[in-house]
Amino acid sequence: MQRESAGLIDPMTGLVFFPTKSPKRDDCEWYAWSHVRDIAVFDNVPHGIIVTQTGQTIQSNATAYVLKNQLKATGELVARFQQLNQSSLLES
């Protein structure tokens, strides 16, 4: 299984997206990390449901497990990027 990656655009403004599948695939969906409030699972729905900050629900083409892992990995990437930026600001 190929690992998906986060598409980091500008974490300081919250423009960070994560893919549901390999970005090389035509059926890859991208979601804005800062707009996701939760990943839900409903009975009889094979894929994860993204709950946005406004409460809207979006059925994804990925499982809830994949979505939660991508959300977590993207959050860790944003945190690391912010730490690196803080370090460089303190050193200058």
PDB file of N, CA and C in Angstrom:
ATOM      1  N   MET A   1       0.839  -1.181   0.000  1.00  0.00           N
ATOM      2  CA  MET A   1       0.000   0.000   0.000  1.00  0.00           C
ATOM      3  C   MET A   1       0.877   1.235   0.000  1.00  0.00           C
ATOM      4  N   GLN A   2       0.587   2.160  -0.884  1.00  0.00           N
ATOM      5  CA  GLN A   2       1.364   3.380  -0.978  1.00  0.00           C
ATOM      6  C   GLN A   2       0.850   4.400   0.026  1.00  0.00           C
ATOM      7  N   ARG A   3       1.768   5.054   0.719  1.00  0.00           N
ATOM      8  CA  ARG A   3       1.393   6.033   1.728  1.00  0.00           C
ATOM      9  C   ARG A   3       1.006   7.349   1.056  1.00  0.00           C
ATOM     10  N   GLU A   4      -0.088   7.930   1.514  1.00  0.00           N
ATOM     11  CA  GLU A   4      -0.504   9.224   1.016  1.00  0.00           C
ATOM     12  C   GLU A   4       0.336  10.288   1.702  1.00  0.00           C
ATOM     13  N   SER A   5       0.413  11.454   1.097  1.00  0.00           N
ATOM     14  CA  SER A   5       1.176  12.537   1.704  1.00  0.00           C
ATOM     15  C   SER A   5       0.280  13.756   1.851  1.00  0.00           C
ATOM     16  N   ALA A   6       0.671  14.622   2.759  1.00  0.00           N
ATOM     17  CA  ALA A   6      -0.070  15.864   2.936  1.00  0.00           C
ATOM     18  C   ALA A   6       0.410  16.863   1.893  1.00  0.00           C
ATOM     19  N   GLY A   7      -0.494  17.624   1.355  1.00  0.00           N
ATOM     20  CA  GLY A   7      -0.137  18.664   0.403  1.00  0.00           C
ATOM     21  C   GLY A   7      -0.049  19.986   1.133  1.00  0.00           C
ATOM     22  N   LEU A   8       1.124  20.327   1.570  1.00  0.00           N
ATOM     23  CA  LEU A   8       1.328  21.518   2.376  1.00  0.00           C
ATOM     24  C   LEU A   8       1.413  22.727   1.465  1.00  0.00           C
ATOM     25  N   ILE A   9       0.494  23.664   1.608  1.00  0.00           N
ATOM     26  CA  ILE A   9       0.516  24.852   0.769  1.00  0.00           C
ATOM     27  C   ILE A   9       1.018  26.048   1.563  1.00  0.00           C
ATOM     28  N   ASP A  10       0.309  26.427   2.607  1.00  0.00           N
ATOM     29  CA  ASP A  10       0.723  27.532   3.475  1.00  0.00           C
ATOM     30  C   ASP A  10       0.124  27.323   4.855  1.00  0.00           C
ATOM     31  N   PRO A  11       0.831  26.613   5.727  1.00  0.00           N
ATOM     32  CA  PRO A  11       0.261  26.273   7.032  1.00  0.00           C
ATOM     33  C   PRO A  11       0.022  27.489   7.932  1.00  0.00           C
ATOM     34  N   MET A  12       0.700  28.587   7.697  1.00  0.00           N
ATOM     35  CA  MET A  12       0.509  29.766   8.539  1.00  0.00           C
ATOM     36  C   MET A  12      -0.879  30.378   8.329  1.00  0.00           C
ATOM     37  N   THR A  13      -1.451  30.168   7.166  1.00  0.00           N
ATOM     38  CA  THR A  13      -2.800  30.670   6.899  1.00  0.00           C
ATOM     39  C   THR A  13      -3.841  29.559   6.942  1.00  0.00           C
ATOM     40  N   GLY A  14      -3.408  28.335   7.234  1.00  0.00           N
ATOM     41  CA  GLY A  14      -4.338  27.218   7.331  1.00  0.00           C
ATOM     42  C   GLY A  14      -4.639  26.545   6.015  1.00  0.00           C
ATOM     43  N   LEU A  15      -3.933  26.892   4.967  1.00  0.00           N
ATOM     44  CA  LEU A  15      -4.168  26.265   3.666  1.00  0.00           C
ATOM     45  C   LEU A  15      -3.332  24.994   3.548  1.00  0.00           C
ATOM     46  N   VAL A  16      -3.810  23.961   4.207  1.00  0.00           N
ATOM     47  CA  VAL A  16      -3.138  22.670   4.189  1.00  0.00           C
ATOM     48  C   VAL A  16      -4.181  21.633   3.809  1.00  0.00           C
ATOM     49  N   PHE A  17      -3.857  20.827   2.824  1.00  0.00           N
ATOM     50  CA  PHE A  17      -4.789  19.827   2.327  1.00  0.00           C
ATOM     51  C   PHE A  17      -4.196  18.439   2.476  1.00  0.00           C
ATOM     52  N   PHE A  18      -5.058  17.442   2.613  1.00  0.00           N
ATOM     53  CA  PHE A  18      -4.588  16.058   2.665  1.00  0.00           C
ATOM     54  C   PHE A  18      -5.384  15.229   1.670  1.00  0.00           C
ATOM     55  N   PRO A  19      -4.710  14.235   1.048  1.00  0.00           N
ATOM     56  CA  PRO A  19      -5.368  13.379   0.056  1.00  0.00           C
ATOM     57  C   PRO A  19      -5.982  12.143   0.694  1.00  0.00           C
ATOM     58  N   THR A  20      -6.952  11.575   0.011  1.00  0.00           N
ATOM     59  CA  THR A  20      -7.568  10.334   0.478  1.00  0.00           C
ATOM     60  C   THR A  20      -6.866   9.106  -0.088  1.00  0.00           C
ATOM     61  N   LYS A  21      -6.158   9.298  -1.171  1.00  0.00           N
ATOM     62  CA  LYS A  21      -5.442   8.214  -1.847  1.00  0.00           C
ATOM     63  C   LYS A  21      -4.162   8.795  -2.422  1.00  0.00           C
ATOM     64  N   SER A  22      -3.408   7.997  -3.122  1.00  0.00           N
ATOM     65  CA  SER A  22      -2.208   8.505  -3.767  1.00  0.00           C
ATOM     66  C   SER A  22      -2.592   9.653  -4.706  1.00  0.00           C
ATOM     67  N   PRO A  23      -1.878  10.772  -4.643  1.00  0.00           N
ATOM     68  CA  PRO A  23      -2.188  11.903  -5.535  1.00  0.00           C
ATOM     69  C   PRO A  23      -2.069  11.555  -7.015  1.00  0.00           C
ATOM     70  N   LYS A  24      -1.424  10.458  -7.324  1.00  0.00           N
ATOM     71  CA  LYS A  24      -1.291  10.021  -8.723  1.00  0.00           C
ATOM     72  C   LYS A  24      -2.578   9.404  -9.254  1.00  0.00           C
ATOM     73  N   ARG A  25      -3.459   9.026  -8.358  1.00  0.00           N
ATOM     74  CA  ARG A  25      -4.709   8.377  -8.772  1.00  0.00           C
ATOM     75  C   ARG A  25      -5.759   9.406  -9.166  1.00  0.00           C
ATOM     76  N   ASP A  26      -6.530   9.092 -10.190  1.00  0.00           N
ATOM     77  CA  ASP A  26      -7.592   9.994 -10.651  1.00  0.00           C
ATOM     78  C   ASP A  26      -8.705  10.166  -9.622  1.00  0.00           C
ATOM     79  N   ASP A  27      -8.912   9.157  -8.776  1.00  0.00           N
ATOM     80  CA  ASP A  27     -10.002   9.233  -7.799  1.00  0.00           C
ATOM     81  C   ASP A  27      -9.546   9.785  -6.438  1.00  0.00           C
ATOM     82  N   CYS A  28      -8.369  10.396  -6.408  1.00  0.00           N
ATOM     83  CA  CYS A  28      -7.879  11.009  -5.169  1.00  0.00           C
ATOM     84  C   CYS A  28      -8.702  12.263  -4.872  1.00  0.00           C
ATOM     85  N   GLU A  29      -9.162  12.352  -3.631  1.00  0.00           N
ATOM     86  CA  GLU A  29      -9.887  13.545  -3.175  1.00  0.00           C
ATOM     87  C   GLU A  29      -8.983  14.297  -2.207  1.00  0.00           C
ATOM     88  N   TRP A  30      -9.079  15.629  -2.203  1.00  0.00           N
ATOM     89  CA  TRP A  30      -8.286  16.464  -1.303  1.00  0.00           C
ATOM     90  C   TRP A  30      -9.223  17.241  -0.387  1.00  0.00           C
ATOM     91  N   TYR A  31      -8.865  17.302   0.902  1.00  0.00           N
ATOM     92  CA  TYR A  31      -9.684  18.029   1.875  1.00  0.00           C
ATOM     93  C   TYR A  31      -8.813  19.001   2.662  1.00  0.00           C
ATOM     94  N   ALA A  32      -9.393  20.141   2.990  1.00  0.00           N
ATOM     95  CA  ALA A  32      -8.684  21.161   3.766  1.00  0.00           C
ATOM     96  C   ALA A  32      -8.626  20.733   5.226  1.00  0.00           C
ATOM     97  N   TRP A  33      -7.417  20.575   5.743  1.00  0.00           N
ATOM     98  CA  TRP A  33      -7.193  20.106   7.108  1.00  0.00           C
ATOM     99  C   TRP A  33      -7.907  20.983   8.135  1.00  0.00           C
ATOM    100  N   SER A  34      -7.843  22.294   7.975  1.00  0.00           N
ATOM    101  CA  SER A  34      -8.418  23.203   8.971  1.00  0.00           C
ATOM    102  C   SER A  34      -9.943  23.245   8.938  1.00  0.00           C
ATOM    103  N   HIS A  35     -10.549  22.682   7.918  1.00  0.00           N
ATOM    104  CA  HIS A  35     -12.009  22.699   7.805  1.00  0.00           C
ATOM    105  C   HIS A  35     -12.657  21.429   8.352  1.00  0.00           C
ATOM    106  N   VAL A  36     -11.842  20.448   8.726  1.00  0.00           N
ATOM    107  CA  VAL A  36     -12.383  19.173   9.210  1.00  0.00           C
ATOM    108  C   VAL A  36     -12.522  19.216  10.733  1.00  0.00           C
ATOM    109  N   ARG A  37     -13.738  19.008  11.205  1.00  0.00           N
ATOM    110  CA  ARG A  37     -13.986  18.946  12.641  1.00  0.00           C
ATOM    111  C   ARG A  37     -13.874  17.518  13.158  1.00  0.00           C
ATOM    112  N   ASP A  38     -14.367  16.550  12.348  1.00  0.00           N
ATOM    113  CA  ASP A  38     -14.392  15.169  12.811  1.00  0.00           C
ATOM    114  C   ASP A  38     -14.518  14.236  11.619  1.00  0.00           C
ATOM    115  N   ILE A  39     -14.207  12.974  11.865  1.00  0.00           N
ATOM    116  CA  ILE A  39     -14.442  11.906  10.893  1.00  0.00           C
ATOM    117  C   ILE A  39     -15.481  10.988  11.528  1.00  0.00           C
ATOM    118  N   ALA A  40     -16.597  10.806  10.848  1.00  0.00           N
ATOM    119  CA  ALA A  40     -17.697  10.006  11.398  1.00  0.00           C
ATOM    120  C   ALA A  40     -17.832   8.696  10.623  1.00  0.00           C
ATOM    121  N   VAL A  41     -18.439   7.732  11.295  1.00  0.00           N
ATOM    122  CA  VAL A  41     -18.747   6.442  10.687  1.00  0.00           C
ATOM    123  C   VAL A  41     -20.222   6.178  10.925  1.00  0.00           C
ATOM    124  N   PHE A  42     -20.947   5.862   9.870  1.00  0.00           N
ATOM    125  CA  PHE A  42     -22.362   5.532   9.985  1.00  0.00           C
ATOM    126  C   PHE A  42     -22.570   4.100   9.529  1.00  0.00           C
ATOM    127  N   ASP A  43     -23.510   3.418  10.159  1.00  0.00           N
ATOM    128  CA  ASP A  43     -23.831   2.053   9.745  1.00  0.00           C
ATOM    129  C   ASP A  43     -24.257   2.042   8.284  1.00  0.00           C
ATOM    130  N   ASN A  44     -23.875   0.981   7.596  1.00  0.00           N
ATOM    131  CA  ASN A  44     -24.232   0.763   6.194  1.00  0.00           C
ATOM    132  C   ASN A  44     -23.604   1.772   5.236  1.00  0.00           C
ATOM    133  N   VAL A  45     -22.617   2.538   5.696  1.00  0.00           N
ATOM    134  CA  VAL A  45     -21.880   3.444   4.814  1.00  0.00           C
ATOM    135  C   VAL A  45     -20.431   2.956   4.807  1.00  0.00           C
ATOM    136  N   PRO A  46     -19.944   2.490   3.651  1.00  0.00           N
ATOM    137  CA  PRO A  46     -18.615   1.873   3.621  1.00  0.00           C
ATOM    138  C   PRO A  46     -17.451   2.846   3.794  1.00  0.00           C
ATOM    139  N   HIS A  47     -17.677   4.098   3.524  1.00  0.00           N
ATOM    140  CA  HIS A  47     -16.598   5.076   3.597  1.00  0.00           C
ATOM    141  C   HIS A  47     -16.797   6.043   4.750  1.00  0.00           C
ATOM    142  N   GLY A  48     -15.710   6.721   5.112  1.00  0.00           N
ATOM    143  CA  GLY A  48     -15.770   7.698   6.187  1.00  0.00           C
ATOM    144  C   GLY A  48     -16.543   8.942   5.773  1.00  0.00           C
ATOM    145  N   ILE A  49     -17.106   9.588   6.766  1.00  0.00           N
ATOM    146  CA  ILE A  49     -17.847  10.828   6.550  1.00  0.00           C
ATOM    147  C   ILE A  49     -17.058  11.959   7.199  1.00  0.00           C
ATOM    148  N   ILE A  50     -16.759  12.978   6.425  1.00  0.00           N
ATOM    149  CA  ILE A  50     -16.055  14.145   6.952  1.00  0.00           C
ATOM    150  C   ILE A  50     -17.098  15.116   7.483  1.00  0.00           C
ATOM    151  N   VAL A  51     -16.894  15.555   8.715  1.00  0.00           N
ATOM    152  CA  VAL A  51     -17.764  16.573   9.318  1.00  0.00           C
ATOM    153  C   VAL A  51     -16.956  17.864   9.329  1.00  0.00           C
ATOM    154  N   THR A  52     -17.455  18.880   8.646  1.00  0.00           N
ATOM    155  CA  THR A  52     -16.727  20.146   8.548  1.00  0.00           C
ATOM    156  C   THR A  52     -16.946  20.996   9.799  1.00  0.00           C
ATOM    157  N   GLN A  53     -16.194  22.072   9.902  1.00  0.00           N
ATOM    158  CA  GLN A  53     -16.321  22.995  11.031  1.00  0.00           C
ATOM    159  C   GLN A  53     -17.720  23.602  11.109  1.00  0.00           C
ATOM    160  N   THR A  54     -18.408  23.680   9.978  1.00  0.00           N
ATOM    161  CA  THR A  54     -19.761  24.241   9.955  1.00  0.00           C
ATOM    162  C   THR A  54     -20.840  23.180  10.165  1.00  0.00           C
ATOM    163  N   GLY A  55     -20.429  21.911  10.338  1.00  0.00           N
ATOM    164  CA  GLY A  55     -21.382  20.836  10.564  1.00  0.00           C
ATOM    165  C   GLY A  55     -21.841  20.118   9.313  1.00  0.00           C
ATOM    166  N   GLN A  56     -21.408  20.562   8.155  1.00  0.00           N
ATOM    167  CA  GLN A  56     -21.750  19.885   6.906  1.00  0.00           C
ATOM    168  C   GLN A  56     -21.059  18.527   6.873  1.00  0.00           C
ATOM    169  N   THR A  57     -21.715  17.522   6.298  1.00  0.00           N
ATOM    170  CA  THR A  57     -21.102  16.203   6.167  1.00  0.00           C
ATOM    171  C   THR A  57     -20.829  15.908   4.698  1.00  0.00           C
ATOM    172  N   ILE A  58     -19.680  15.269   4.464  1.00  0.00           N
ATOM    173  CA  ILE A  58     -19.256  14.933   3.108  1.00  0.00           C
ATOM    174  C   ILE A  58     -18.825  13.480   3.117  1.00  0.00           C
ATOM    175  N   GLN A  59     -19.443  12.662   2.272  1.00  0.00           N
ATOM    176  CA  GLN A  59     -19.028  11.269   2.172  1.00  0.00           C
ATOM    177  C   GLN A  59     -17.769  11.204   1.317  1.00  0.00           C
ATOM    178  N   SER A  60     -16.741  10.594   1.862  1.00  0.00           N
ATOM    179  CA  SER A  60     -15.464  10.480   1.180  1.00  0.00           C
ATOM    180  C   SER A  60     -15.366   9.141   0.464  1.00  0.00           C
ATOM    181  N   ASN A  61     -14.330   9.012  -0.359  1.00  0.00           N
ATOM    182  CA  ASN A  61     -14.093   7.726  -1.013  1.00  0.00           C
ATOM    183  C   ASN A  61     -13.077   6.883  -0.252  1.00  0.00           C
ATOM    184  N   ALA A  62     -12.690   7.339   0.946  1.00  0.00           N
ATOM    185  CA  ALA A  62     -11.736   6.609   1.777  1.00  0.00           C
ATOM    186  C   ALA A  62     -12.428   6.114   3.049  1.00  0.00           C
ATOM    187  N   THR A  63     -11.828   5.135   3.669  1.00  0.00           N
ATOM    188  CA  THR A  63     -12.389   4.636   4.926  1.00  0.00           C
ATOM    189  C   THR A  63     -12.128   5.648   6.039  1.00  0.00           C
ATOM    190  N   ALA A  64     -12.874   5.522   7.110  1.00  0.00           N
ATOM    191  CA  ALA A  64     -12.679   6.400   8.266  1.00  0.00           C
ATOM    192  C   ALA A  64     -11.269   6.221   8.821  1.00  0.00           C
ATOM    193  N   TYR A  65     -10.760   5.008   8.795  1.00  0.00           N
ATOM    194  CA  TYR A  65      -9.409   4.728   9.283  1.00  0.00           C
ATOM    195  C   TYR A  65      -8.372   5.545   8.502  1.00  0.00           C
ATOM    196  N   VAL A  66      -8.452   5.518   7.184  1.00  0.00           N
ATOM    197  CA  VAL A  66      -7.512   6.279   6.346  1.00  0.00           C
ATOM    198  C   VAL A  66      -7.666   7.773   6.602  1.00  0.00           C
ATOM    199  N   LEU A  67      -8.902   8.250   6.668  1.00  0.00           N
ATOM    200  CA  LEU A  67      -9.132   9.678   6.894  1.00  0.00           C
ATOM    201  C   LEU A  67      -8.560  10.143   8.231  1.00  0.00           C
ATOM    202  N   LYS A  68      -8.779   9.351   9.279  1.00  0.00           N
ATOM    203  CA  LYS A  68      -8.259   9.727  10.604  1.00  0.00           C
ATOM    204  C   LYS A  68      -6.736   9.739  10.607  1.00  0.00           C
ATOM    205  N   ASN A  69      -6.130   8.760   9.952  1.00  0.00           N
ATOM    206  CA  ASN A  69      -4.669   8.730   9.871  1.00  0.00           C
ATOM    207  C   ASN A  69      -4.127   9.920   9.083  1.00  0.00           C
ATOM    208  N   GLN A  70      -4.766  10.257   7.994  1.00  0.00           N
ATOM    209  CA  GLN A  70      -4.332  11.397   7.189  1.00  0.00           C
ATOM    210  C   GLN A  70      -4.507  12.707   7.951  1.00  0.00           C
ATOM    211  N   LEU A  71      -5.608  12.839   8.665  1.00  0.00           N
ATOM    212  CA  LEU A  71      -5.871  14.040   9.457  1.00  0.00           C
ATOM    213  C   LEU A  71      -4.799  14.195  10.542  1.00  0.00           C
ATOM    214  N   LYS A  72      -4.470  13.089  11.203  1.00  0.00           N
ATOM    215  CA  LYS A  72      -3.454  13.112  12.257  1.00  0.00           C
ATOM    216  C   LYS A  72      -2.077  13.436  11.672  1.00  0.00           C
ATOM    217  N   ALA A  73      -1.701  12.785  10.589  1.00  0.00           N
ATOM    218  CA  ALA A  73      -0.395  13.017   9.977  1.00  0.00           C
ATOM    219  C   ALA A  73      -0.257  14.456   9.487  1.00  0.00           C
ATOM    220  N   THR A  74      -1.330  14.999   8.947  1.00  0.00           N
ATOM    221  CA  THR A  74      -1.299  16.372   8.466  1.00  0.00           C
ATOM    222  C   THR A  74      -1.161  17.343   9.640  1.00  0.00           C
ATOM    223  N   GLY A  75      -1.858  17.079  10.733  1.00  0.00           N
ATOM    224  CA  GLY A  75      -1.733  17.912  11.921  1.00  0.00           C
ATOM    225  C   GLY A  75      -0.323  17.893  12.475  1.00  0.00           C
ATOM    226  N   GLU A  76       0.300  16.723  12.477  1.00  0.00           N
ATOM    227  CA  GLU A  76       1.680  16.609  12.945  1.00  0.00           C
ATOM    228  C   GLU A  76       2.635  17.372  12.033  1.00  0.00           C
ATOM    229  N   LEU A  77       2.389  17.320  10.738  1.00  0.00           N
ATOM    230  CA  LEU A  77       3.210  18.060   9.784  1.00  0.00           C
ATOM    231  C   LEU A  77       3.085  19.568  10.008  1.00  0.00           C
ATOM    232  N   VAL A  78       1.869  20.032  10.217  1.00  0.00           N
ATOM    233  CA  VAL A  78       1.644  21.461  10.474  1.00  0.00           C
ATOM    234  C   VAL A  78       2.350  21.881  11.765  1.00  0.00           C
ATOM    235  N   ALA A  79       2.220  21.081  12.812  1.00  0.00           N
ATOM    236  CA  ALA A  79       2.865  21.402  14.088  1.00  0.00           C
ATOM    237  C   ALA A  79       4.387  21.460  13.929  1.00  0.00           C
ATOM    238  N   ARG A  80       4.946  20.514  13.218  1.00  0.00           N
ATOM    239  CA  ARG A  80       6.402  20.491  12.996  1.00  0.00           C
ATOM    240  C   ARG A  80       6.834  21.707  12.185  1.00  0.00           C
ATOM    241  N   PHE A  81       6.102  22.046  11.166  1.00  0.00           N
ATOM    242  CA  PHE A  81       6.422  23.207  10.338  1.00  0.00           C
ATOM    243  C   PHE A  81       6.377  24.479  11.171  1.00  0.00           C
ATOM    244  N   GLN A  82       5.373  24.603  12.031  1.00  0.00           N
ATOM    245  CA  GLN A  82       5.263  25.779  12.886  1.00  0.00           C
ATOM    246  C   GLN A  82       6.408  25.840  13.886  1.00  0.00           C
ATOM    247  N   GLN A  83       6.835  24.685  14.416  1.00  0.00           N
ATOM    248  CA  GLN A  83       7.984  24.648  15.323  1.00  0.00           C
ATOM    249  C   GLN A  83       9.250  25.116  14.619  1.00  0.00           C
ATOM    250  N   LEU A  84       9.444  24.657  13.388  1.00  0.00           N
ATOM    251  CA  LEU A  84      10.625  25.062  12.630  1.00  0.00           C
ATOM    252  C   LEU A  84      10.596  26.559  12.351  1.00  0.00           C
ATOM    253  N   ASN A  85       9.440  27.089  12.028  1.00  0.00           N
ATOM    254  CA  ASN A  85       9.323  28.531  11.775  1.00  0.00           C
ATOM    255  C   ASN A  85       9.597  29.329  13.035  1.00  0.00           C
ATOM    256  N   GLN A  86       9.106  28.860  14.187  1.00  0.00           N
ATOM    257  CA  GLN A  86       9.366  29.548  15.453  1.00  0.00           C
ATOM    258  C   GLN A  86      10.855  29.532  15.777  1.00  0.00           C
ATOM    259  N   SER A  87      11.516  28.413  15.531  1.00  0.00           N
ATOM    260  CA  SER A  87      12.951  28.314  15.805  1.00  0.00           C
ATOM    261  C   SER A  87      13.737  29.284  14.952  1.00  0.00           C
ATOM    262  N   SER A  88      13.386  29.373  13.672  1.00  0.00           N
ATOM    263  CA  SER A  88      14.127  30.280  12.786  1.00  0.00           C
ATOM    264  C   SER A  88      13.843  31.734  13.132  1.00  0.00           C
ATOM    265  N   LEU A  89      12.647  32.045  13.614  1.00  0.00           N
ATOM    266  CA  LEU A  89      12.337  33.420  14.029  1.00  0.00           C
ATOM    267  C   LEU A  89      13.139  33.796  15.267  1.00  0.00           C
ATOM    268  N   LEU A  90      13.290  32.850  16.197  1.00  0.00           N
ATOM    269  CA  LEU A  90      14.023  33.118  17.433  1.00  0.00           C
ATOM    270  C   LEU A  90      15.517  33.284  17.172  1.00  0.00           C
ATOM    271  N   GLU A  91      16.036  32.605  16.154  1.00  0.00           N
ATOM    272  CA  GLU A  91      17.453  32.678  15.854  1.00  0.00           C
ATOM    273  C   GLU A  91      17.831  33.924  15.057  1.00  0.00           C
ATOM    274  N   SER A  92      16.866  34.566  14.438  1.00  0.00           N
ATOM    275  CA  SER A  92      17.188  35.729  13.611  1.00  0.00           C
ATOM    276  C   SER A  92      17.138  37.023  14.391  1.00  0.00           C
TER     277      SER A  92
END
